[in-house]
Amino acid sequence: MGFLQDLFLTAPCSPSDKPEVEELLNELIQIGKVDDFLSERPGLPFNSQCRHIRARKIGTRFNEIGGLQLMEYALKKIQKKLGKNMADHLEYAWSGIGQWLS
């Protein structure tokens, strides 16, 4: 995606879903800042596969609202806010949700 397209990147969802999407995206950013999306050990807030439980629920909700396209949008936002390393962690944490591939 080009620089100008990135500047004007908007969520691929209906206007009625945008408030929920933005709220979930903000929560996802906080999870990345505070907990990370992956852990070396299972245990709350991570599942037995060491993936953040709430981050996966948010990914599932994004999939319900806008499918793969909305999940990819969220990943780009995470990369812009938290960097490539955290986006890579989220990409792996979302493995197995909808059509998401890691």
Protein backbone atom coordinates (compact mmCIF):
# COMPACT_ATOMS: atom_id res chain seq x y z
CA MET A 1 0.00 0.00 0.00
CA GLY A 2 1.33 3.46 -0.84
CA PHE A 3 2.13 6.24 1.61
CA LEU A 4 -1.01 8.26 0.79
CA GLN A 5 -3.20 5.19 0.97
CA ASP A 6 -1.76 4.41 4.42
CA LEU A 7 -2.58 7.94 5.61
CA PHE A 8 -6.23 7.54 4.69
CA LEU A 9 -6.61 3.88 5.66
CA THR A 10 -10.13 3.37 6.94
CA ALA A 11 -11.68 0.32 8.53
CA PRO A 12 -13.34 -1.96 5.98
CA CYS A 13 -16.63 -2.25 7.83
CA SER A 14 -20.04 -0.67 7.93
CA PRO A 15 -20.41 2.76 9.55
CA SER A 16 -22.48 1.20 12.32
CA ASP A 17 -19.59 -1.16 13.19
CA LYS A 18 -16.87 1.52 13.20
CA PRO A 19 -17.24 2.53 16.89
CA GLU A 20 -16.89 -1.09 18.02
CA VAL A 21 -13.96 -1.67 15.66
CA GLU A 22 -12.13 1.41 16.93
CA GLU A 23 -12.77 0.44 20.57
CA LEU A 24 -11.49 -3.10 19.97
CA LEU A 25 -8.48 -1.79 18.06
CA ASN A 26 -7.59 0.53 20.96
CA GLU A 27 -7.90 -2.40 23.36
CA LEU A 28 -5.66 -4.49 21.11
CA ILE A 29 -3.03 -1.74 21.09
CA GLN A 30 -3.13 -1.65 24.92
CA ILE A 31 -2.73 -5.43 25.09
CA GLY A 32 0.31 -5.18 22.86
CA LYS A 33 1.83 -2.41 24.98
CA VAL A 34 1.15 -4.06 28.34
CA ASP A 35 1.17 -7.84 27.86
CA ASP A 36 2.37 -8.61 24.30
CA PHE A 37 0.33 -11.00 22.16
CA LEU A 38 2.55 -14.01 22.91
CA SER A 39 4.18 -15.43 26.00
CA GLU A 40 6.92 -17.94 26.68
CA ARG A 41 4.66 -19.71 29.18
CA PRO A 42 0.94 -20.46 29.30
CA GLY A 43 -1.16 -18.98 32.08
CA LEU A 44 -3.49 -16.02 32.34
CA PRO A 45 -3.86 -13.91 30.28
CA PHE A 46 -2.40 -16.46 27.80
CA ASN A 47 -3.88 -19.76 26.66
CA SER A 48 -2.15 -23.16 26.58
CA GLN A 49 -0.56 -22.19 23.23
CA CYS A 50 0.91 -19.01 24.85
CA ARG A 51 -1.38 -16.72 22.81
CA HIS A 52 -3.17 -13.81 24.46
CA ILE A 53 -6.76 -14.91 25.12
CA ARG A 54 -8.40 -11.49 24.75
CA ALA A 55 -6.38 -10.66 21.62
CA ARG A 56 -7.71 -13.86 20.03
CA LYS A 57 -11.29 -12.96 21.02
CA ILE A 58 -10.81 -9.54 19.40
CA GLY A 59 -9.45 -11.24 16.28
CA THR A 60 -12.50 -13.51 16.22
CA ARG A 61 -14.80 -10.49 16.50
CA PHE A 62 -12.95 -8.68 13.70
CA ASN A 63 -13.40 -11.80 11.58
CA GLU A 64 -17.15 -11.81 12.32
CA ILE A 65 -17.50 -8.13 11.45
CA GLY A 66 -15.30 -7.84 8.38
CA GLY A 67 -13.47 -11.08 7.76
CA LEU A 68 -9.88 -11.30 6.62
CA GLN A 69 -9.93 -7.77 5.22
CA LEU A 70 -10.71 -6.22 8.62
CA MET A 71 -8.14 -8.42 10.36
CA GLU A 72 -5.49 -7.27 7.87
CA TYR A 73 -6.51 -3.65 8.48
CA ALA A 74 -6.09 -4.16 12.24
CA LEU A 75 -2.68 -5.76 11.74
CA LYS A 76 -1.52 -2.75 9.70
CA LYS A 77 -2.71 -0.43 12.47
CA ILE A 78 -0.83 -2.48 15.08
CA GLN A 79 2.31 -2.37 12.94
CA LYS A 80 2.06 1.43 12.64
CA LYS A 81 1.46 1.91 16.39
CA LEU A 82 3.65 -0.82 17.91
CA GLY A 83 6.12 -1.87 15.21
CA LYS A 84 6.76 -4.87 13.01
CA ASN A 85 7.83 -7.18 15.84
CA MET A 86 4.53 -6.77 17.68
CA ALA A 87 2.59 -7.13 14.42
CA ASP A 88 4.42 -10.43 13.84
CA HIS A 89 3.41 -11.57 17.33
CA LEU A 90 -0.22 -10.67 16.64
CA GLU A 91 -0.13 -12.42 13.29
CA TYR A 92 0.95 -15.64 15.02
CA ALA A 93 -1.47 -15.16 17.94
CA TRP A 94 -4.37 -14.98 15.48
CA SER A 95 -3.40 -18.23 13.73
CA GLY A 96 -6.47 -20.37 13.09
CA ILE A 97 -9.05 -17.58 13.28
CA GLY A 98 -11.25 -17.55 10.19
CA GLN A 99 -9.12 -17.45 7.06
CA TRP A 100 -6.12 -16.01 8.92
CA LEU A 101 -2.82 -17.55 7.92
CA SER A 102 0.40 -17.12 9.84
